[in-house]
Amino acid sequence: MATYKLSASGKPSGGKSFTKPVNFFCVASGAKEVSIVGDFNEWNPASNPMQQTPDGGWVGQVALSHGHYCYWFLVDGVPTLDPRAQGVSRNERNERVSLMSVS
């Protein structure tokens, strides 16, 4: 069994880094473009664009390691909270962001 220490951010530090795919779903049927942005990709919309499904939803997947993450969906350039998030927090600019934990 592998062991690892968590840093102050809750992410593994040292040793092996384990990631697992995390699926995201956003309902934005009229949107032209949706991305997943968060502290895991330095809030860069080009890092994780989502794909539109035939029913108008948007899906995406991000490989994340154990820890807590702040994120939101960028829907046509507008930050949007995830109603399916595990919680809501604030980022360094005191903006409301979605919160999730990966175990």
PDB file of N, CA and C in Angstrom:
ATOM      1  N   MET A   1       0.841  -1.176   0.000  1.00  0.00           N
ATOM      2  CA  MET A   1       0.000   0.000   0.000  1.00  0.00           C
ATOM      3  C   MET A   1       0.885   1.237   0.000  1.00  0.00           C
ATOM      4  N   ALA A   2       0.609   2.169  -0.911  1.00  0.00           N
ATOM      5  CA  ALA A   2       1.388   3.399  -1.018  1.00  0.00           C
ATOM      6  C   ALA A   2       0.982   4.374   0.077  1.00  0.00           C
ATOM      7  N   THR A   3       1.959   5.106   0.571  1.00  0.00           N
ATOM      8  CA  THR A   3       1.667   6.149   1.547  1.00  0.00           C
ATOM      9  C   THR A   3       2.187   7.467   1.010  1.00  0.00           C
ATOM     10  N   TYR A   4       1.544   8.553   1.408  1.00  0.00           N
ATOM     11  CA  TYR A   4       1.991   9.869   0.994  1.00  0.00           C
ATOM     12  C   TYR A   4       1.506  10.893   1.992  1.00  0.00           C
ATOM     13  N   LYS A   5       2.204  12.019   2.044  1.00  0.00           N
ATOM     14  CA  LYS A   5       1.840  13.105   2.942  1.00  0.00           C
ATOM     15  C   LYS A   5       1.045  14.144   2.171  1.00  0.00           C
ATOM     16  N   LEU A   6       0.155  14.826   2.873  1.00  0.00           N
ATOM     17  CA  LEU A   6      -0.611  15.900   2.251  1.00  0.00           C
ATOM     18  C   LEU A   6       0.016  17.234   2.604  1.00  0.00           C
ATOM     19  N   SER A   7       0.062  18.114   1.614  1.00  0.00           N
ATOM     20  CA  SER A   7       0.548  19.463   1.865  1.00  0.00           C
ATOM     21  C   SER A   7      -0.568  20.268   2.518  1.00  0.00           C
ATOM     22  N   ALA A   8      -0.304  21.521   2.820  1.00  0.00           N
ATOM     23  CA  ALA A   8      -1.314  22.393   3.435  1.00  0.00           C
ATOM     24  C   ALA A   8      -2.535  22.546   2.548  1.00  0.00           C
ATOM     25  N   SER A   9      -2.365  22.399   1.232  1.00  0.00           N
ATOM     26  CA  SER A   9      -3.490  22.538   0.308  1.00  0.00           C
ATOM     27  C   SER A   9      -4.329  21.268   0.228  1.00  0.00           C
ATOM     28  N   GLY A  10      -3.871  20.191   0.876  1.00  0.00           N
ATOM     29  CA  GLY A  10      -4.604  18.934   0.823  1.00  0.00           C
ATOM     30  C   GLY A  10      -4.167  18.046  -0.322  1.00  0.00           C
ATOM     31  N   LYS A  11      -3.177  18.486  -1.109  1.00  0.00           N
ATOM     32  CA  LYS A  11      -2.698  17.717  -2.242  1.00  0.00           C
ATOM     33  C   LYS A  11      -1.474  16.909  -1.811  1.00  0.00           C
ATOM     34  N   PRO A  12      -1.221  15.762  -2.433  1.00  0.00           N
ATOM     35  CA  PRO A  12      -0.073  14.954  -2.051  1.00  0.00           C
ATOM     36  C   PRO A  12       1.238  15.721  -2.230  1.00  0.00           C
ATOM     37  N   SER A  13       2.165  15.522  -1.319  1.00  0.00           N
ATOM     38  CA  SER A  13       3.477  16.137  -1.466  1.00  0.00           C
ATOM     39  C   SER A  13       4.532  15.044  -1.381  1.00  0.00           C
ATOM     40  N   GLY A  14       5.441  15.047  -2.301  1.00  0.00           N
ATOM     41  CA  GLY A  14       6.488  14.042  -2.322  1.00  0.00           C
ATOM     42  C   GLY A  14       5.948  12.686  -2.744  1.00  0.00           C
ATOM     43  N   GLY A  15       6.822  11.770  -3.026  1.00  0.00           N
ATOM     44  CA  GLY A  15       6.391  10.420  -3.408  1.00  0.00           C
ATOM     45  C   GLY A  15       5.609  10.426  -4.714  1.00  0.00           C
ATOM     46  N   LYS A  16       4.837   9.379  -4.907  1.00  0.00           N
ATOM     47  CA  LYS A  16       4.052   9.248  -6.123  1.00  0.00           C
ATOM     48  C   LYS A  16       2.809  10.133  -6.072  1.00  0.00           C
ATOM     49  N   SER A  17       2.442  10.658  -7.222  1.00  0.00           N
ATOM     50  CA  SER A  17       1.233  11.464  -7.324  1.00  0.00           C
ATOM     51  C   SER A  17       0.167  10.633  -8.031  1.00  0.00           C
ATOM     52  N   PHE A  18      -0.941  10.406  -7.369  1.00  0.00           N
ATOM     53  CA  PHE A  18      -2.010   9.603  -7.934  1.00  0.00           C
ATOM     54  C   PHE A  18      -3.111  10.528  -8.446  1.00  0.00           C
ATOM     55  N   THR A  19      -3.577  10.269  -9.643  1.00  0.00           N
ATOM     56  CA  THR A  19      -4.689  11.048 -10.172  1.00  0.00           C
ATOM     57  C   THR A  19      -5.797  10.099 -10.573  1.00  0.00           C
ATOM     58  N   LYS A  20      -7.001  10.661 -10.622  1.00  0.00           N
ATOM     59  CA  LYS A  20      -8.124   9.879 -11.114  1.00  0.00           C
ATOM     60  C   LYS A  20      -9.011  10.808 -11.931  1.00  0.00           C
ATOM     61  N   PRO A  21      -9.703  10.268 -12.926  1.00  0.00           N
ATOM     62  CA  PRO A  21     -10.564  11.113 -13.753  1.00  0.00           C
ATOM     63  C   PRO A  21     -11.800  11.568 -12.980  1.00  0.00           C
ATOM     64  N   VAL A  22     -12.081  12.848 -13.055  1.00  0.00           N
ATOM     65  CA  VAL A  22     -13.268  13.420 -12.427  1.00  0.00           C
ATOM     66  C   VAL A  22     -14.142  13.990 -13.536  1.00  0.00           C
ATOM     67  N   ASN A  23     -15.389  13.540 -13.602  1.00  0.00           N
ATOM     68  CA  ASN A  23     -16.326  13.984 -14.635  1.00  0.00           C
ATOM     69  C   ASN A  23     -17.107  15.213 -14.169  1.00  0.00           C
ATOM     70  N   PHE A  24     -17.302  16.154 -15.088  1.00  0.00           N
ATOM     71  CA  PHE A  24     -18.067  17.363 -14.829  1.00  0.00           C
ATOM     72  C   PHE A  24     -19.207  17.445 -15.835  1.00  0.00           C
ATOM     73  N   PHE A  25     -20.344  17.981 -15.394  1.00  0.00           N
ATOM     74  CA  PHE A  25     -21.504  18.169 -16.266  1.00  0.00           C
ATOM     75  C   PHE A  25     -22.091  19.551 -16.001  1.00  0.00           C
ATOM     76  N   CYS A  26     -22.346  20.287 -17.077  1.00  0.00           N
ATOM     77  CA  CYS A  26     -22.893  21.629 -16.964  1.00  0.00           C
ATOM     78  C   CYS A  26     -24.112  21.747 -17.877  1.00  0.00           C
ATOM     79  N   VAL A  27     -25.213  22.265 -17.338  1.00  0.00           N
ATOM     80  CA  VAL A  27     -26.412  22.506 -18.137  1.00  0.00           C
ATOM     81  C   VAL A  27     -26.350  23.947 -18.635  1.00  0.00           C
ATOM     82  N   ALA A  28     -26.129  24.107 -19.927  1.00  0.00           N
ATOM     83  CA  ALA A  28     -26.055  25.438 -20.553  1.00  0.00           C
ATOM     84  C   ALA A  28     -26.403  25.272 -22.022  1.00  0.00           C
ATOM     85  N   SER A  29     -27.683  24.942 -22.293  1.00  0.00           N
ATOM     86  CA  SER A  29     -28.098  24.571 -23.646  1.00  0.00           C
ATOM     87  C   SER A  29     -27.891  25.671 -24.684  1.00  0.00           C
ATOM     88  N   GLY A  30     -27.965  26.933 -24.292  1.00  0.00           N
ATOM     89  CA  GLY A  30     -27.794  28.018 -25.258  1.00  0.00           C
ATOM     90  C   GLY A  30     -26.369  28.498 -25.411  1.00  0.00           C
ATOM     91  N   ALA A  31     -25.433  27.902 -24.669  1.00  0.00           N
ATOM     92  CA  ALA A  31     -24.042  28.369 -24.685  1.00  0.00           C
ATOM     93  C   ALA A  31     -23.327  27.973 -25.973  1.00  0.00           C
ATOM     94  N   LYS A  32     -22.361  28.795 -26.338  1.00  0.00           N
ATOM     95  CA  LYS A  32     -21.515  28.507 -27.491  1.00  0.00           C
ATOM     96  C   LYS A  32     -20.199  27.859 -27.056  1.00  0.00           C
ATOM     97  N   GLU A  33     -19.787  28.137 -25.812  1.00  0.00           N
ATOM     98  CA  GLU A  33     -18.502  27.646 -25.323  1.00  0.00           C
ATOM     99  C   GLU A  33     -18.539  27.520 -23.802  1.00  0.00           C
ATOM    100  N   VAL A  34     -18.086  26.375 -23.277  1.00  0.00           N
ATOM    101  CA  VAL A  34     -18.033  26.149 -21.833  1.00  0.00           C
ATOM    102  C   VAL A  34     -16.699  25.496 -21.497  1.00  0.00           C
ATOM    103  N   SER A  35     -16.059  25.973 -20.428  1.00  0.00           N
ATOM    104  CA  SER A  35     -14.801  25.403 -19.954  1.00  0.00           C
ATOM    105  C   SER A  35     -14.883  25.175 -18.452  1.00  0.00           C
ATOM    106  N   ILE A  36     -14.042  24.266 -17.963  1.00  0.00           N
ATOM    107  CA  ILE A  36     -13.882  24.055 -16.530  1.00  0.00           C
ATOM    108  C   ILE A  36     -12.612  24.799 -16.136  1.00  0.00           C
ATOM    109  N   VAL A  37     -12.723  25.734 -15.210  1.00  0.00           N
ATOM    110  CA  VAL A  37     -11.553  26.469 -14.745  1.00  0.00           C
ATOM    111  C   VAL A  37     -11.482  26.380 -13.229  1.00  0.00           C
ATOM    112  N   GLY A  38     -10.262  26.292 -12.717  1.00  0.00           N
ATOM    113  CA  GLY A  38     -10.110  26.200 -11.276  1.00  0.00           C
ATOM    114  C   GLY A  38      -8.668  26.287 -10.853  1.00  0.00           C
ATOM    115  N   ASP A  39      -8.448  26.098  -9.563  1.00  0.00           N
ATOM    116  CA  ASP A  39      -7.089  26.170  -9.053  1.00  0.00           C
ATOM    117  C   ASP A  39      -6.222  25.032  -9.581  1.00  0.00           C
ATOM    118  N   PHE A  40      -6.829  23.966 -10.112  1.00  0.00           N
ATOM    119  CA  PHE A  40      -6.086  22.839 -10.669  1.00  0.00           C
ATOM    120  C   PHE A  40      -5.526  23.127 -12.055  1.00  0.00           C
ATOM    121  N   ASN A  41      -6.013  24.183 -12.735  1.00  0.00           N
ATOM    122  CA  ASN A  41      -5.469  24.541 -14.052  1.00  0.00           C
ATOM    123  C   ASN A  41      -5.151  26.040 -14.143  1.00  0.00           C
ATOM    124  N   GLU A  42      -4.901  26.644 -12.976  1.00  0.00           N
ATOM    125  CA  GLU A  42      -4.553  28.064 -12.881  1.00  0.00           C
ATOM    126  C   GLU A  42      -5.614  28.964 -13.512  1.00  0.00           C
ATOM    127  N   TRP A  43      -6.886  28.529 -13.446  1.00  0.00           N
ATOM    128  CA  TRP A  43      -8.044  29.296 -13.942  1.00  0.00           C
ATOM    129  C   TRP A  43      -7.927  29.613 -15.429  1.00  0.00           C
ATOM    130  N   ASN A  44      -7.319  28.691 -16.175  1.00  0.00           N
ATOM    131  CA  ASN A  44      -7.083  28.870 -17.609  1.00  0.00           C
ATOM    132  C   ASN A  44      -8.180  28.167 -18.411  1.00  0.00           C
ATOM    133  N   PRO A  45      -9.053  28.920 -19.093  1.00  0.00           N
ATOM    134  CA  PRO A  45     -10.151  28.303 -19.840  1.00  0.00           C
ATOM    135  C   PRO A  45      -9.703  27.427 -21.005  1.00  0.00           C
ATOM    136  N   ALA A  46      -8.507  27.656 -21.528  1.00  0.00           N
ATOM    137  CA  ALA A  46      -8.023  26.841 -22.641  1.00  0.00           C
ATOM    138  C   ALA A  46      -7.598  25.446 -22.187  1.00  0.00           C
ATOM    139  N   SER A  47      -7.375  25.264 -20.891  1.00  0.00           N
ATOM    140  CA  SER A  47      -6.883  23.979 -20.378  1.00  0.00           C
ATOM    141  C   SER A  47      -7.918  22.863 -20.425  1.00  0.00           C
ATOM    142  N   ASN A  48      -9.184  23.179 -20.144  1.00  0.00           N
ATOM    143  CA  ASN A  48     -10.205  22.140 -20.039  1.00  0.00           C
ATOM    144  C   ASN A  48     -11.526  22.557 -20.684  1.00  0.00           C
ATOM    145  N   PRO A  49     -11.544  22.672 -22.035  1.00  0.00           N
ATOM    146  CA  PRO A  49     -12.823  22.960 -22.692  1.00  0.00           C
ATOM    147  C   PRO A  49     -13.758  21.766 -22.568  1.00  0.00           C
ATOM    148  N   MET A  50     -15.046  22.043 -22.494  1.00  0.00           N
ATOM    149  CA  MET A  50     -16.037  20.978 -22.382  1.00  0.00           C
ATOM    150  C   MET A  50     -16.652  20.715 -23.759  1.00  0.00           C
ATOM    151  N   GLN A  51     -17.228  19.531 -23.916  1.00  0.00           N
ATOM    152  CA  GLN A  51     -17.865  19.138 -25.175  1.00  0.00           C
ATOM    153  C   GLN A  51     -19.380  19.154 -25.003  1.00  0.00           C
ATOM    154  N   GLN A  52     -20.080  19.703 -25.998  1.00  0.00           N
ATOM    155  CA  GLN A  52     -21.536  19.764 -25.917  1.00  0.00           C
ATOM    156  C   GLN A  52     -22.146  18.418 -26.288  1.00  0.00           C
ATOM    157  N   THR A  53     -23.188  18.027 -25.555  1.00  0.00           N
ATOM    158  CA  THR A  53     -23.903  16.790 -25.825  1.00  0.00           C
ATOM    159  C   THR A  53     -25.154  17.122 -26.644  1.00  0.00           C
ATOM    160  N   PRO A  54     -25.760  16.135 -27.292  1.00  0.00           N
ATOM    161  CA  PRO A  54     -26.946  16.398 -28.116  1.00  0.00           C
ATOM    162  C   PRO A  54     -28.115  17.025 -27.348  1.00  0.00           C
ATOM    163  N   ASP A  55     -28.203  16.766 -26.035  1.00  0.00           N
ATOM    164  CA  ASP A  55     -29.315  17.324 -25.263  1.00  0.00           C
ATOM    165  C   ASP A  55     -29.041  18.746 -24.764  1.00  0.00           C
ATOM    166  N   GLY A  56     -27.898  19.331 -25.148  1.00  0.00           N
ATOM    167  CA  GLY A  56     -27.591  20.709 -24.768  1.00  0.00           C
ATOM    168  C   GLY A  56     -26.725  20.839 -23.539  1.00  0.00           C
ATOM    169  N   GLY A  57     -26.413  19.721 -22.892  1.00  0.00           N
ATOM    170  CA  GLY A  57     -25.510  19.759 -21.747  1.00  0.00           C
ATOM    171  C   GLY A  57     -24.065  19.808 -22.221  1.00  0.00           C
ATOM    172  N   TRP A  58     -23.182  20.008 -21.293  1.00  0.00           N
ATOM    173  CA  TRP A  58     -21.747  20.047 -21.586  1.00  0.00           C
ATOM    174  C   TRP A  58     -21.035  19.095 -20.640  1.00  0.00           C
ATOM    175  N   VAL A  59     -20.083  18.313 -21.160  1.00  0.00           N
ATOM    176  CA  VAL A  59     -19.347  17.353 -20.354  1.00  0.00           C
ATOM    177  C   VAL A  59     -17.845  17.578 -20.500  1.00  0.00           C
ATOM    178  N   GLY A  60     -17.131  17.257 -19.437  1.00  0.00           N
ATOM    179  CA  GLY A  60     -15.679  17.350 -19.459  1.00  0.00           C
ATOM    180  C   GLY A  60     -15.104  16.466 -18.384  1.00  0.00           C
ATOM    181  N   GLN A  61     -13.833  16.182 -18.516  1.00  0.00           N
ATOM    182  CA  GLN A  61     -13.160  15.327 -17.549  1.00  0.00           C
ATOM    183  C   GLN A  61     -11.786  15.913 -17.250  1.00  0.00           C
ATOM    184  N   VAL A  62     -11.422  15.891 -15.962  1.00  0.00           N
ATOM    185  CA  VAL A  62     -10.127  16.396 -15.524  1.00  0.00           C
ATOM    186  C   VAL A  62      -9.503  15.346 -14.608  1.00  0.00           C
ATOM    187  N   ALA A  63      -8.229  15.051 -14.814  1.00  0.00           N
ATOM    188  CA  ALA A  63      -7.511  14.124 -13.937  1.00  0.00           C
ATOM    189  C   ALA A  63      -7.005  14.913 -12.737  1.00  0.00           C
ATOM    190  N   LEU A  64      -7.465  14.544 -11.545  1.00  0.00           N
ATOM    191  CA  LEU A  64      -7.099  15.259 -10.326  1.00  0.00           C
ATOM    192  C   LEU A  64      -6.547  14.301  -9.287  1.00  0.00           C
ATOM    193  N   SER A  65      -5.626  14.798  -8.491  1.00  0.00           N
ATOM    194  CA  SER A  65      -5.089  14.019  -7.376  1.00  0.00           C
ATOM    195  C   SER A  65      -5.908  14.318  -6.123  1.00  0.00           C
ATOM    196  N   HIS A  66      -5.661  13.553  -5.086  1.00  0.00           N
ATOM    197  CA  HIS A  66      -6.359  13.697  -3.818  1.00  0.00           C
ATOM    198  C   HIS A  66      -6.237  15.137  -3.323  1.00  0.00           C
ATOM    199  N   GLY A  67      -7.341  15.729  -2.897  1.00  0.00           N
ATOM    200  CA  GLY A  67      -7.303  17.074  -2.334  1.00  0.00           C
ATOM    201  C   GLY A  67      -8.616  17.814  -2.509  1.00  0.00           C
ATOM    202  N   HIS A  68      -8.598  19.091  -2.147  1.00  0.00           N
ATOM    203  CA  HIS A  68      -9.756  19.969  -2.273  1.00  0.00           C
ATOM    204  C   HIS A  68      -9.483  20.975  -3.375  1.00  0.00           C
ATOM    205  N   TYR A  69     -10.507  21.287  -4.167  1.00  0.00           N
ATOM    206  CA  TYR A  69     -10.332  22.169  -5.311  1.00  0.00           C
ATOM    207  C   TYR A  69     -11.463  23.188  -5.392  1.00  0.00           C
ATOM    208  N   CYS A  70     -11.103  24.392  -5.818  1.00  0.00           N
ATOM    209  CA  CYS A  70     -12.065  25.446  -6.126  1.00  0.00           C
ATOM    210  C   CYS A  70     -12.151  25.542  -7.648  1.00  0.00           C
ATOM    211  N   TYR A  71     -13.359  25.726  -8.167  1.00  0.00           N
ATOM    212  CA  TYR A  71     -13.544  25.786  -9.621  1.00  0.00           C
ATOM    213  C   TYR A  71     -14.870  26.457  -9.944  1.00  0.00           C
ATOM    214  N   TRP A  72     -15.086  26.725 -11.214  1.00  0.00           N
ATOM    215  CA  TRP A  72     -16.394  27.094 -11.740  1.00  0.00           C
ATOM    216  C   TRP A  72     -16.419  26.771 -13.217  1.00  0.00           C
ATOM    217  N   PHE A  73     -17.578  26.860 -13.800  1.00  0.00           N
ATOM    218  CA  PHE A  73     -17.708  26.720 -15.244  1.00  0.00           C
ATOM    219  C   PHE A  73     -17.642  28.117 -15.843  1.00  0.00           C
ATOM    220  N   LEU A  74     -16.932  28.253 -16.944  1.00  0.00           N
ATOM    221  CA  LEU A  74     -16.891  29.507 -17.668  1.00  0.00           C
ATOM    222  C   LEU A  74     -17.818  29.325 -18.865  1.00  0.00           C
ATOM    223  N   VAL A  75     -19.020  29.892 -18.776  1.00  0.00           N
ATOM    224  CA  VAL A  75     -20.061  29.721 -19.794  1.00  0.00           C
ATOM    225  C   VAL A  75     -20.103  30.990 -20.644  1.00  0.00           C
ATOM    226  N   ASP A  76     -19.627  30.885 -21.882  1.00  0.00           N
ATOM    227  CA  ASP A  76     -19.528  32.049 -22.778  1.00  0.00           C
ATOM    228  C   ASP A  76     -18.859  33.224 -22.070  1.00  0.00           C
ATOM    229  N   GLY A  77     -17.797  32.921 -21.316  1.00  0.00           N
ATOM    230  CA  GLY A  77     -17.018  33.944 -20.637  1.00  0.00           C
ATOM    231  C   GLY A  77     -17.542  34.366 -19.275  1.00  0.00           C
ATOM    232  N   VAL A  78     -18.667  33.804 -18.839  1.00  0.00           N
ATOM    233  CA  VAL A  78     -19.279  34.180 -17.558  1.00  0.00           C
ATOM    234  C   VAL A  78     -19.022  33.087 -16.514  1.00  0.00           C
ATOM    235  N   PRO A  79     -18.348  33.417 -15.390  1.00  0.00           N
ATOM    236  CA  PRO A  79     -18.149  32.431 -14.333  1.00  0.00           C
ATOM    237  C   PRO A  79     -19.487  31.960 -13.765  1.00  0.00           C
ATOM    238  N   THR A  80     -19.657  30.644 -13.674  1.00  0.00           N
ATOM    239  CA  THR A  80     -20.920  30.055 -13.241  1.00  0.00           C
ATOM    240  C   THR A  80     -20.655  28.962 -12.216  1.00  0.00           C
ATOM    241  N   LEU A  81     -21.323  29.041 -11.072  1.00  0.00           N
ATOM    242  CA  LEU A  81     -21.181  28.007 -10.050  1.00  0.00           C
ATOM    243  C   LEU A  81     -21.783  26.695 -10.529  1.00  0.00           C
ATOM    244  N   ASP A  82     -21.250  25.606 -10.039  1.00  0.00           N
ATOM    245  CA  ASP A  82     -21.747  24.269 -10.345  1.00  0.00           C
ATOM    246  C   ASP A  82     -22.808  23.904  -9.306  1.00  0.00           C
ATOM    247  N   PRO A  83     -24.072  23.757  -9.713  1.00  0.00           N
ATOM    248  CA  PRO A  83     -25.108  23.406  -8.737  1.00  0.00           C
ATOM    249  C   PRO A  83     -24.918  22.014  -8.136  1.00  0.00           C
ATOM    250  N   ARG A  84     -24.088  21.174  -8.750  1.00  0.00           N
ATOM    251  CA  ARG A  84     -23.817  19.833  -8.238  1.00  0.00           C
ATOM    252  C   ARG A  84     -22.557  19.787  -7.363  1.00  0.00           C
ATOM    253  N   ALA A  85     -21.951  20.929  -7.118  1.00  0.00           N
ATOM    254  CA  ALA A  85     -20.711  20.978  -6.323  1.00  0.00           C
ATOM    255  C   ALA A  85     -20.965  20.505  -4.897  1.00  0.00           C
ATOM    256  N   GLN A  86     -19.907  20.107  -4.236  1.00  0.00           N
ATOM    257  CA  GLN A  86     -20.006  19.650  -2.852  1.00  0.00           C
ATOM    258  C   GLN A  86     -20.129  20.814  -1.881  1.00  0.00           C
ATOM    259  N   GLY A  87     -19.847  22.011  -2.355  1.00  0.00           N
ATOM    260  CA  GLY A  87     -19.939  23.192  -1.505  1.00  0.00           C
ATOM    261  C   GLY A  87     -19.576  24.441  -2.273  1.00  0.00           C
ATOM    262  N   VAL A  88     -19.582  25.565  -1.562  1.00  0.00           N
ATOM    263  CA  VAL A  88     -19.208  26.846  -2.132  1.00  0.00           C
ATOM    264  C   VAL A  88     -18.163  27.476  -1.222  1.00  0.00           C
ATOM    265  N   SER A  89     -17.153  28.071  -1.828  1.00  0.00           N
ATOM    266  CA  SER A  89     -16.088  28.707  -1.077  1.00  0.00           C
ATOM    267  C   SER A  89     -15.799  30.061  -1.714  1.00  0.00           C
ATOM    268  N   ARG A  90     -14.709  30.681  -1.323  1.00  0.00           N
ATOM    269  CA  ARG A  90     -14.271  31.955  -1.901  1.00  0.00           C
ATOM    270  C   ARG A  90     -12.834  31.796  -2.381  1.00  0.00           C
ATOM    271  N   ASN A  91     -12.540  32.414  -3.538  1.00  0.00           N
ATOM    272  CA  ASN A  91     -11.167  32.375  -4.033  1.00  0.00           C
ATOM    273  C   ASN A  91     -10.382  33.550  -3.472  1.00  0.00           C
ATOM    274  N   GLU A  92      -9.150  33.718  -3.927  1.00  0.00           N
ATOM    275  CA  GLU A  92      -8.285  34.772  -3.393  1.00  0.00           C
ATOM    276  C   GLU A  92      -8.805  36.181  -3.681  1.00  0.00           C
ATOM    277  N   ARG A  93      -9.740  36.320  -4.634  1.00  0.00           N
ATOM    278  CA  ARG A  93     -10.354  37.629  -4.918  1.00  0.00           C
ATOM    279  C   ARG A  93     -11.716  37.772  -4.241  1.00  0.00           C
ATOM    280  N   ASN A  94     -12.005  36.864  -3.321  1.00  0.00           N
ATOM    281  CA  ASN A  94     -13.256  36.851  -2.559  1.00  0.00           C
ATOM    282  C   ASN A  94     -14.490  36.613  -3.437  1.00  0.00           C
ATOM    283  N   GLU A  95     -14.301  35.934  -4.569  1.00  0.00           N
ATOM    284  CA  GLU A  95     -15.417  35.564  -5.441  1.00  0.00           C
ATOM    285  C   GLU A  95     -15.917  34.185  -5.034  1.00  0.00           C
ATOM    286  N   ARG A  96     -17.230  33.985  -5.137  1.00  0.00           N
ATOM    287  CA  ARG A  96     -17.810  32.676  -4.829  1.00  0.00           C
ATOM    288  C   ARG A  96     -17.391  31.680  -5.909  1.00  0.00           C
ATOM    289  N   VAL A  97     -16.928  30.511  -5.469  1.00  0.00           N
ATOM    290  CA  VAL A  97     -16.498  29.441  -6.373  1.00  0.00           C
ATOM    291  C   VAL A  97     -17.066  28.123  -5.868  1.00  0.00           C
ATOM    292  N   SER A  98     -17.201  27.182  -6.771  1.00  0.00           N
ATOM    293  CA  SER A  98     -17.631  25.837  -6.401  1.00  0.00           C
ATOM    294  C   SER A  98     -16.475  25.111  -5.724  1.00  0.00           C
ATOM    295  N   LEU A  99     -16.817  24.181  -4.831  1.00  0.00           N
ATOM    296  CA  LEU A  99     -15.811  23.461  -4.057  1.00  0.00           C
ATOM    297  C   LEU A  99     -16.039  21.966  -4.209  1.00  0.00           C
ATOM    298  N   MET A 100     -14.942  21.229  -4.380  1.00  0.00           N
ATOM    299  CA  MET A 100     -15.044  19.772  -4.452  1.00  0.00           C
ATOM    300  C   MET A 100     -13.849  19.133  -3.762  1.00  0.00           C
ATOM    301  N   SER A 101     -14.073  17.894  -3.354  1.00  0.00           N
ATOM    302  CA  SER A 101     -13.026  17.105  -2.710  1.00  0.00           C
ATOM    303  C   SER A 101     -12.830  15.835  -3.525  1.00  0.00           C
ATOM    304  N   VAL A 102     -11.580  15.475  -3.760  1.00  0.00           N
ATOM    305  CA  VAL A 102     -11.253  14.244  -4.462  1.00  0.00           C
ATOM    306  C   VAL A 102     -10.528  13.342  -3.483  1.00  0.00           C
ATOM    307  N   SER A 103     -11.031  12.110  -3.349  1.00  0.00           N
ATOM    308  CA  SER A 103     -10.369  11.191  -2.411  1.00  0.00           C
ATOM    309  C   SER A 103      -9.834   9.973  -3.138  1.00  0.00           C
TER     310      SER A 103
END
